Amino acid sequence: LQMLQGSGVETHLVVSKWAGRTLLHETSYTIDDVQQMATHVYALNDLRLNYTLIQAFGALASVAGMVAIPLWGMLCDKFGNRPILTIATFGVSTLPLFWVLTSARYPVLTLVMVCLVNLAGGFFWAGVNLSQFNLLIEVTPAERKTVYIGAMSAVVGVCGGLAPVVGGVLATALRDTTISPFGWTMGAYQIVFAANVLLRLAAAFSLRGVPGATGATARE
């Protein structure tokens, strides 16, 4: 963003909860600093939410995650990590749908949706992170466990870096595109969020082939 400032290139920014936490812990920048570098910040420009509300919603997600961790831990101990990861991943898959229903034309609905997505996001992402790491420890051989953990971290890091770039390219390419399924008008960002739902659901279904210590399924 610093390099693109003043270059005439239009930049789009969506800051997730975990991106915000990484920024605060690993850099000297605040979320406000980074948002001011971008040409277009989704929550600020499209939904007309101010910085204070955005920070408050981020804190809400963190609290939801902290409260949910003991529950997810108990469920993992009782039913196994794979079925709980599947359930949590399906929950995470629904989160972009909340963003699809946001619009500056409906400020009350938007506030409700953003509040719900942060609560649900904190809750379900806590389950994904806990059960995913537990499952990795469970299924990898003891003699090379650190290699597998490092490989997973590397893949997550690469995908985490590429995904915002791909999302930005798509949002820019679709900037003049609108669709109206069921009478609800969707612009570029909503279309990208809807596509994200499909990708997350594909990831959830792919867990069926992952081995686990127990034979339990998500349905059970």
C-alpha atoms as a PDB file:
ATOM      1  CA  LEU A   1       0.000   0.000   0.000  1.00  0.00           C
ATOM      2  CA  GLN A   2       2.860   2.391   0.783  1.00  0.00           C
ATOM      3  CA  MET A   3       4.469   1.720  -2.598  1.00  0.00           C
ATOM      4  CA  LEU A   4       1.174   2.212  -4.435  1.00  0.00           C
ATOM      5  CA  GLN A   5       0.310   5.491  -2.741  1.00  0.00           C
ATOM      6  CA  GLY A   6       0.604   8.341  -5.195  1.00  0.00           C
ATOM      7  CA  SER A   7       1.082   5.976  -8.150  1.00  0.00           C
ATOM      8  CA  GLY A   8      -2.459   6.364  -9.431  1.00  0.00           C
ATOM      9  CA  VAL A   9      -3.257   2.691  -8.745  1.00  0.00           C
ATOM     10  CA  GLU A  10      -6.617   2.145  -7.046  1.00  0.00           C
ATOM     11  CA  THR A  11      -6.270  -0.108  -4.004  1.00  0.00           C
ATOM     12  CA  HIS A  12      -9.058  -2.039  -2.250  1.00  0.00           C
ATOM     13  CA  LEU A  13      -8.748  -3.115   1.385  1.00  0.00           C
ATOM     14  CA  VAL A  14     -10.758  -5.522   3.525  1.00  0.00           C
ATOM     15  CA  VAL A  15      -9.199  -6.145   6.956  1.00  0.00           C
ATOM     16  CA  SER A  16     -10.194  -9.408   8.645  1.00  0.00           C
ATOM     17  CA  LYS A  17     -10.126  -9.865  12.400  1.00  0.00           C
ATOM     18  CA  TRP A  18      -6.949 -11.962  12.295  1.00  0.00           C
ATOM     19  CA  ALA A  19      -5.238  -9.590   9.886  1.00  0.00           C
ATOM     20  CA  GLY A  20      -5.918  -6.778  12.346  1.00  0.00           C
ATOM     21  CA  ARG A  21      -4.482  -8.754  15.259  1.00  0.00           C
ATOM     22  CA  THR A  22      -1.386  -9.751  13.264  1.00  0.00           C
ATOM     23  CA  LEU A  23      -0.880  -6.116  12.271  1.00  0.00           C
ATOM     24  CA  LEU A  24      -1.026  -4.925  15.877  1.00  0.00           C
ATOM     25  CA  HIS A  25       1.256  -7.660  17.239  1.00  0.00           C
ATOM     26  CA  GLU A  26       3.875  -7.856  14.501  1.00  0.00           C
ATOM     27  CA  THR A  27       4.161  -4.295  13.156  1.00  0.00           C
ATOM     28  CA  SER A  28       4.268  -0.747  14.462  1.00  0.00           C
ATOM     29  CA  TYR A  29       1.167   0.209  12.440  1.00  0.00           C
ATOM     30  CA  THR A  30      -2.387   0.556  13.670  1.00  0.00           C
ATOM     31  CA  ILE A  31      -5.406  -0.533  11.622  1.00  0.00           C
ATOM     32  CA  ASP A  32      -6.209   3.153  11.074  1.00  0.00           C
ATOM     33  CA  ASP A  33      -2.724   3.717   9.616  1.00  0.00           C
ATOM     34  CA  VAL A  34      -3.167   0.934   7.053  1.00  0.00           C
ATOM     35  CA  GLN A  35      -6.735   1.876   6.156  1.00  0.00           C
ATOM     36  CA  GLN A  36      -5.664   5.432   5.409  1.00  0.00           C
ATOM     37  CA  MET A  37      -3.165   4.114   2.838  1.00  0.00           C
ATOM     38  CA  ALA A  38      -5.863   2.434   0.737  1.00  0.00           C
ATOM     39  CA  THR A  39      -8.013   4.105  -1.888  1.00  0.00           C
ATOM     40  CA  HIS A  40     -11.071   2.059  -1.010  1.00  0.00           C
ATOM     41  CA  VAL A  41     -11.801   0.430   2.359  1.00  0.00           C
ATOM     42  CA  TYR A  42     -14.896  -1.742   2.222  1.00  0.00           C
ATOM     43  CA  ALA A  43     -16.436  -1.120   5.630  1.00  0.00           C
ATOM     44  CA  LEU A  44     -15.628   2.590   5.626  1.00  0.00           C
ATOM     45  CA  ASN A  45     -16.573   3.562   2.079  1.00  0.00           C
ATOM     46  CA  ASP A  46     -19.311   1.115   1.110  1.00  0.00           C
ATOM     47  CA  LEU A  47     -21.045   0.609   4.452  1.00  0.00           C
ATOM     48  CA  ARG A  48     -20.233   4.028   5.932  1.00  0.00           C
ATOM     49  CA  LEU A  49     -18.989   2.617   9.225  1.00  0.00           C
ATOM     50  CA  ASN A  50     -16.522   4.686  11.221  1.00  0.00           C
ATOM     51  CA  TYR A  51     -13.200   3.563  12.698  1.00  0.00           C
ATOM     52  CA  THR A  52     -14.609   3.282  16.233  1.00  0.00           C
ATOM     53  CA  LEU A  53     -17.337   0.860  15.182  1.00  0.00           C
ATOM     54  CA  ILE A  54     -14.881  -1.253  13.193  1.00  0.00           C
ATOM     55  CA  GLN A  55     -12.572  -1.533  16.208  1.00  0.00           C
ATOM     56  CA  ALA A  56     -15.519  -2.356  18.477  1.00  0.00           C
ATOM     57  CA  PHE A  57     -16.658  -5.142  16.171  1.00  0.00           C
ATOM     58  CA  GLY A  58     -13.126  -6.550  16.116  1.00  0.00           C
ATOM     59  CA  ALA A  59     -13.086  -6.608  19.911  1.00  0.00           C
ATOM     60  CA  LEU A  60     -16.467  -8.353  19.877  1.00  0.00           C
ATOM     61  CA  ALA A  61     -15.058 -11.120  17.684  1.00  0.00           C
ATOM     62  CA  SER A  62     -12.087 -11.569  20.012  1.00  0.00           C
ATOM     63  CA  VAL A  63     -14.319 -11.892  23.064  1.00  0.00           C
ATOM     64  CA  ALA A  64     -16.551 -14.412  21.266  1.00  0.00           C
ATOM     65  CA  GLY A  65     -13.492 -16.465  20.380  1.00  0.00           C
ATOM     66  CA  MET A  66     -12.162 -16.492  23.931  1.00  0.00           C
ATOM     67  CA  VAL A  67     -15.532 -17.545  25.310  1.00  0.00           C
ATOM     68  CA  ALA A  68     -15.923 -20.288  22.682  1.00  0.00           C
ATOM     69  CA  ILE A  69     -12.500 -21.946  23.072  1.00  0.00           C
ATOM     70  CA  PRO A  70     -13.393 -24.006  26.202  1.00  0.00           C
ATOM     71  CA  LEU A  71     -16.574 -25.251  24.524  1.00  0.00           C
ATOM     72  CA  TRP A  72     -14.752 -26.301  21.376  1.00  0.00           C
ATOM     73  CA  GLY A  73     -12.071 -28.000  23.476  1.00  0.00           C
ATOM     74  CA  MET A  74     -14.690 -30.018  25.341  1.00  0.00           C
ATOM     75  CA  LEU A  75     -16.374 -31.030  22.074  1.00  0.00           C
ATOM     76  CA  CYS A  76     -13.044 -32.067  20.530  1.00  0.00           C
ATOM     77  CA  ASP A  77     -12.267 -34.243  23.555  1.00  0.00           C
ATOM     78  CA  LYS A  78     -15.702 -35.872  23.397  1.00  0.00           C
ATOM     79  CA  PHE A  79     -16.272 -36.347  19.651  1.00  0.00           C
ATOM     80  CA  GLY A  80     -12.830 -36.049  18.072  1.00  0.00           C
ATOM     81  CA  ASN A  81     -11.148 -33.306  16.096  1.00  0.00           C
ATOM     82  CA  ARG A  82     -12.238 -34.128  12.536  1.00  0.00           C
ATOM     83  CA  PRO A  83     -16.031 -33.932  13.065  1.00  0.00           C
ATOM     84  CA  ILE A  84     -15.658 -30.736  15.101  1.00  0.00           C
ATOM     85  CA  LEU A  85     -13.419 -29.215  12.415  1.00  0.00           C
ATOM     86  CA  THR A  86     -16.042 -30.107   9.814  1.00  0.00           C
ATOM     87  CA  ILE A  87     -18.827 -28.457  11.831  1.00  0.00           C
ATOM     88  CA  ALA A  88     -16.740 -25.343  12.534  1.00  0.00           C
ATOM     89  CA  THR A  89     -15.721 -25.087   8.858  1.00  0.00           C
ATOM     90  CA  PHE A  90     -19.350 -25.242   7.753  1.00  0.00           C
ATOM     91  CA  GLY A  91     -20.044 -22.457  10.261  1.00  0.00           C
ATOM     92  CA  VAL A  92     -17.202 -20.375   8.841  1.00  0.00           C
ATOM     93  CA  SER A  93     -18.591 -20.997   5.350  1.00  0.00           C
ATOM     94  CA  THR A  94     -21.752 -19.071   6.229  1.00  0.00           C
ATOM     95  CA  LEU A  95     -19.920 -15.931   7.384  1.00  0.00           C
ATOM     96  CA  PRO A  96     -19.566 -14.224   3.968  1.00  0.00           C
ATOM     97  CA  LEU A  97     -23.344 -14.471   3.576  1.00  0.00           C
ATOM     98  CA  PHE A  98     -23.704 -11.874   6.331  1.00  0.00           C
ATOM     99  CA  TRP A  99     -21.569  -9.486   4.258  1.00  0.00           C
ATOM    100  CA  VAL A 100     -23.689 -10.176   1.182  1.00  0.00           C
ATOM    101  CA  LEU A 101     -26.653  -8.753   3.120  1.00  0.00           C
ATOM    102  CA  THR A 102     -24.887  -5.506   4.046  1.00  0.00           C
ATOM    103  CA  SER A 103     -25.677  -2.269   2.247  1.00  0.00           C
ATOM    104  CA  ALA A 104     -25.338   1.426   3.045  1.00  0.00           C
ATOM    105  CA  ARG A 105     -28.976   1.763   1.997  1.00  0.00           C
ATOM    106  CA  TYR A 106     -30.013  -0.255   5.059  1.00  0.00           C
ATOM    107  CA  PRO A 107     -27.853   0.990   7.962  1.00  0.00           C
ATOM    108  CA  VAL A 108     -29.742  -0.832  10.739  1.00  0.00           C
ATOM    109  CA  LEU A 109     -29.638  -4.161   8.896  1.00  0.00           C
ATOM    110  CA  THR A 110     -25.976  -3.584   8.136  1.00  0.00           C
ATOM    111  CA  LEU A 111     -25.102  -2.985  11.783  1.00  0.00           C
ATOM    112  CA  VAL A 112     -26.976  -6.136  12.788  1.00  0.00           C
ATOM    113  CA  MET A 113     -25.242  -8.200  10.091  1.00  0.00           C
ATOM    114  CA  VAL A 114     -21.770  -6.886  10.963  1.00  0.00           C
ATOM    115  CA  CYS A 115     -22.419  -7.554  14.644  1.00  0.00           C
ATOM    116  CA  LEU A 116     -23.582 -11.100  13.906  1.00  0.00           C
ATOM    117  CA  VAL A 117     -20.708 -11.860  11.541  1.00  0.00           C
ATOM    118  CA  ASN A 118     -18.170 -10.812  14.159  1.00  0.00           C
ATOM    119  CA  LEU A 119     -19.851 -12.821  16.909  1.00  0.00           C
ATOM    120  CA  ALA A 120     -20.232 -15.880  14.695  1.00  0.00           C
ATOM    121  CA  GLY A 121     -16.773 -15.371  13.218  1.00  0.00           C
ATOM    122  CA  GLY A 122     -15.107 -15.288  16.625  1.00  0.00           C
ATOM    123  CA  PHE A 123     -17.060 -18.382  17.662  1.00  0.00           C
ATOM    124  CA  PHE A 124     -16.524 -20.571  14.584  1.00  0.00           C
ATOM    125  CA  TRP A 125     -12.938 -19.499  13.819  1.00  0.00           C
ATOM    126  CA  ALA A 126     -11.993 -20.465  17.376  1.00  0.00           C
ATOM    127  CA  GLY A 127     -13.314 -23.955  16.623  1.00  0.00           C
ATOM    128  CA  VAL A 128     -11.490 -24.150  13.288  1.00  0.00           C
ATOM    129  CA  ASN A 129      -8.149 -23.025  14.699  1.00  0.00           C
ATOM    130  CA  LEU A 130      -8.290 -25.331  17.717  1.00  0.00           C
ATOM    131  CA  SER A 131      -9.553 -28.495  15.996  1.00  0.00           C
ATOM    132  CA  GLN A 132      -7.357 -27.948  12.929  1.00  0.00           C
ATOM    133  CA  PHE A 133      -4.177 -27.772  14.991  1.00  0.00           C
ATOM    134  CA  ASN A 134      -5.274 -30.704  17.167  1.00  0.00           C
ATOM    135  CA  LEU A 135      -6.015 -32.783  14.076  1.00  0.00           C
ATOM    136  CA  LEU A 136      -2.630 -31.967  12.575  1.00  0.00           C
ATOM    137  CA  ILE A 137      -0.913 -33.118  15.783  1.00  0.00           C
ATOM    138  CA  GLU A 138      -3.113 -36.221  15.845  1.00  0.00           C
ATOM    139  CA  VAL A 139      -2.535 -37.533  12.309  1.00  0.00           C
ATOM    140  CA  THR A 140       1.121 -36.645  11.656  1.00  0.00           C
ATOM    141  CA  PRO A 141       3.942 -39.054  12.566  1.00  0.00           C
ATOM    142  CA  ALA A 142       5.837 -38.153  15.736  1.00  0.00           C
ATOM    143  CA  GLU A 143       9.284 -38.208  14.131  1.00  0.00           C
ATOM    144  CA  ARG A 144       8.469 -35.489  11.591  1.00  0.00           C
ATOM    145  CA  LYS A 145       5.704 -33.597  13.337  1.00  0.00           C
ATOM    146  CA  THR A 146       7.536 -30.264  13.325  1.00  0.00           C
ATOM    147  CA  VAL A 147       8.052 -30.527   9.549  1.00  0.00           C
ATOM    148  CA  TYR A 148       4.320 -30.984   8.962  1.00  0.00           C
ATOM    149  CA  ILE A 149       3.465 -28.113  11.290  1.00  0.00           C
ATOM    150  CA  GLY A 150       5.954 -25.869   9.513  1.00  0.00           C
ATOM    151  CA  ALA A 151       4.619 -26.908   6.104  1.00  0.00           C
ATOM    152  CA  MET A 152       1.045 -26.136   7.120  1.00  0.00           C
ATOM    153  CA  SER A 153       2.079 -22.744   8.482  1.00  0.00           C
ATOM    154  CA  ALA A 154       3.892 -21.986   5.219  1.00  0.00           C
ATOM    155  CA  VAL A 155       0.870 -22.961   3.100  1.00  0.00           C
ATOM    156  CA  VAL A 156      -1.459 -20.883   5.287  1.00  0.00           C
ATOM    157  CA  GLY A 157       0.908 -17.928   5.024  1.00  0.00           C
ATOM    158  CA  VAL A 158       1.179 -18.132   1.231  1.00  0.00           C
ATOM    159  CA  CYS A 159      -2.577 -18.536   0.771  1.00  0.00           C
ATOM    160  CA  GLY A 160      -3.208 -15.737   3.257  1.00  0.00           C
ATOM    161  CA  GLY A 161      -1.013 -13.459   1.171  1.00  0.00           C
ATOM    162  CA  LEU A 162      -2.431 -14.442  -2.213  1.00  0.00           C
ATOM    163  CA  ALA A 163      -6.119 -14.469  -1.280  1.00  0.00           C
ATOM    164  CA  PRO A 164      -6.443 -10.688  -0.685  1.00  0.00           C
ATOM    165  CA  VAL A 165      -4.658 -10.025  -3.979  1.00  0.00           C
ATOM    166  CA  VAL A 166      -7.011 -12.334  -5.886  1.00  0.00           C
ATOM    167  CA  GLY A 167     -10.003 -10.830  -4.081  1.00  0.00           C
ATOM    168  CA  GLY A 168      -8.861  -7.323  -4.966  1.00  0.00           C
ATOM    169  CA  VAL A 169      -8.366  -8.233  -8.623  1.00  0.00           C
ATOM    170  CA  LEU A 170     -11.849  -9.768  -8.763  1.00  0.00           C
ATOM    171  CA  ALA A 171     -13.432  -6.795  -7.003  1.00  0.00           C
ATOM    172  CA  THR A 172     -11.769  -4.417  -9.449  1.00  0.00           C
ATOM    173  CA  ALA A 173     -12.766  -6.512 -12.452  1.00  0.00           C
ATOM    174  CA  LEU A 174     -16.370  -6.621 -11.236  1.00  0.00           C
ATOM    175  CA  ARG A 175     -16.541  -2.990 -10.123  1.00  0.00           C
ATOM    176  CA  ASP A 176     -19.232  -2.100 -12.659  1.00  0.00           C
ATOM    177  CA  THR A 177     -21.129  -5.372 -12.288  1.00  0.00           C
ATOM    178  CA  THR A 178     -24.383  -5.728 -10.371  1.00  0.00           C
ATOM    179  CA  ILE A 179     -26.753  -8.666 -10.079  1.00  0.00           C
ATOM    180  CA  SER A 180     -30.097  -8.904  -8.303  1.00  0.00           C
ATOM    181  CA  PRO A 181     -30.838 -12.459  -7.127  1.00  0.00           C
ATOM    182  CA  PHE A 182     -34.218 -12.641  -5.351  1.00  0.00           C
ATOM    183  CA  GLY A 183     -34.493  -8.857  -5.689  1.00  0.00           C
ATOM    184  CA  TRP A 184     -31.375  -8.133  -3.594  1.00  0.00           C
ATOM    185  CA  THR A 185     -28.849  -5.972  -5.438  1.00  0.00           C
ATOM    186  CA  MET A 186     -25.284  -7.253  -5.207  1.00  0.00           C
ATOM    187  CA  GLY A 187     -22.221  -5.299  -6.289  1.00  0.00           C
ATOM    188  CA  ALA A 188     -18.621  -6.397  -6.768  1.00  0.00           C
ATOM    189  CA  TYR A 189     -17.857  -7.013  -3.099  1.00  0.00           C
ATOM    190  CA  GLN A 190     -21.023  -9.006  -2.468  1.00  0.00           C
ATOM    191  CA  ILE A 191     -20.291 -11.184  -5.512  1.00  0.00           C
ATOM    192  CA  VAL A 192     -16.782 -11.881  -4.207  1.00  0.00           C
ATOM    193  CA  PHE A 193     -18.200 -12.755  -0.777  1.00  0.00           C
ATOM    194  CA  ALA A 194     -20.724 -15.126  -2.374  1.00  0.00           C
ATOM    195  CA  ALA A 195     -17.914 -16.856  -4.277  1.00  0.00           C
ATOM    196  CA  ASN A 196     -16.031 -17.151  -1.000  1.00  0.00           C
ATOM    197  CA  VAL A 197     -18.952 -19.106   0.466  1.00  0.00           C
ATOM    198  CA  LEU A 198     -18.612 -21.705  -2.294  1.00  0.00           C
ATOM    199  CA  LEU A 199     -14.859 -22.046  -1.772  1.00  0.00           C
ATOM    200  CA  ARG A 200     -15.276 -22.526   1.980  1.00  0.00           C
ATOM    201  CA  LEU A 201     -17.995 -25.128   1.460  1.00  0.00           C
ATOM    202  CA  ALA A 202     -15.671 -27.002  -0.904  1.00  0.00           C
ATOM    203  CA  ALA A 203     -13.016 -26.990   1.820  1.00  0.00           C
ATOM    204  CA  ALA A 204     -15.538 -28.322   4.340  1.00  0.00           C
ATOM    205  CA  PHE A 205     -16.575 -31.209   2.066  1.00  0.00           C
ATOM    206  CA  SER A 206     -12.918 -32.056   1.386  1.00  0.00           C
ATOM    207  CA  LEU A 207     -12.488 -32.913   5.076  1.00  0.00           C
ATOM    208  CA  ARG A 208     -14.375 -36.163   4.460  1.00  0.00           C
ATOM    209  CA  GLY A 209     -11.137 -37.679   3.175  1.00  0.00           C
ATOM    210  CA  VAL A 210      -9.049 -36.629   6.182  1.00  0.00           C
ATOM    211  CA  PRO A 211      -8.316 -39.453   8.652  1.00  0.00           C
ATOM    212  CA  GLY A 212      -9.006 -39.048  12.352  1.00  0.00           C
ATOM    213  CA  ALA A 213      -8.405 -40.985  15.547  1.00  0.00           C
ATOM    214  CA  THR A 214     -12.145 -41.582  15.967  1.00  0.00           C
ATOM    215  CA  GLY A 215     -14.649 -42.854  13.453  1.00  0.00           C
ATOM    216  CA  ALA A 216     -17.229 -40.244  14.400  1.00  0.00           C
ATOM    217  CA  THR A 217     -18.700 -38.032  11.703  1.00  0.00           C
ATOM    218  CA  ALA A 218     -20.012 -34.474  11.910  1.00  0.00           C
ATOM    219  CA  ARG A 219     -23.593 -35.780  11.586  1.00  0.00           C
ATOM    220  CA  GLU A 220     -23.073 -38.112  14.567  1.00  0.00           C
END
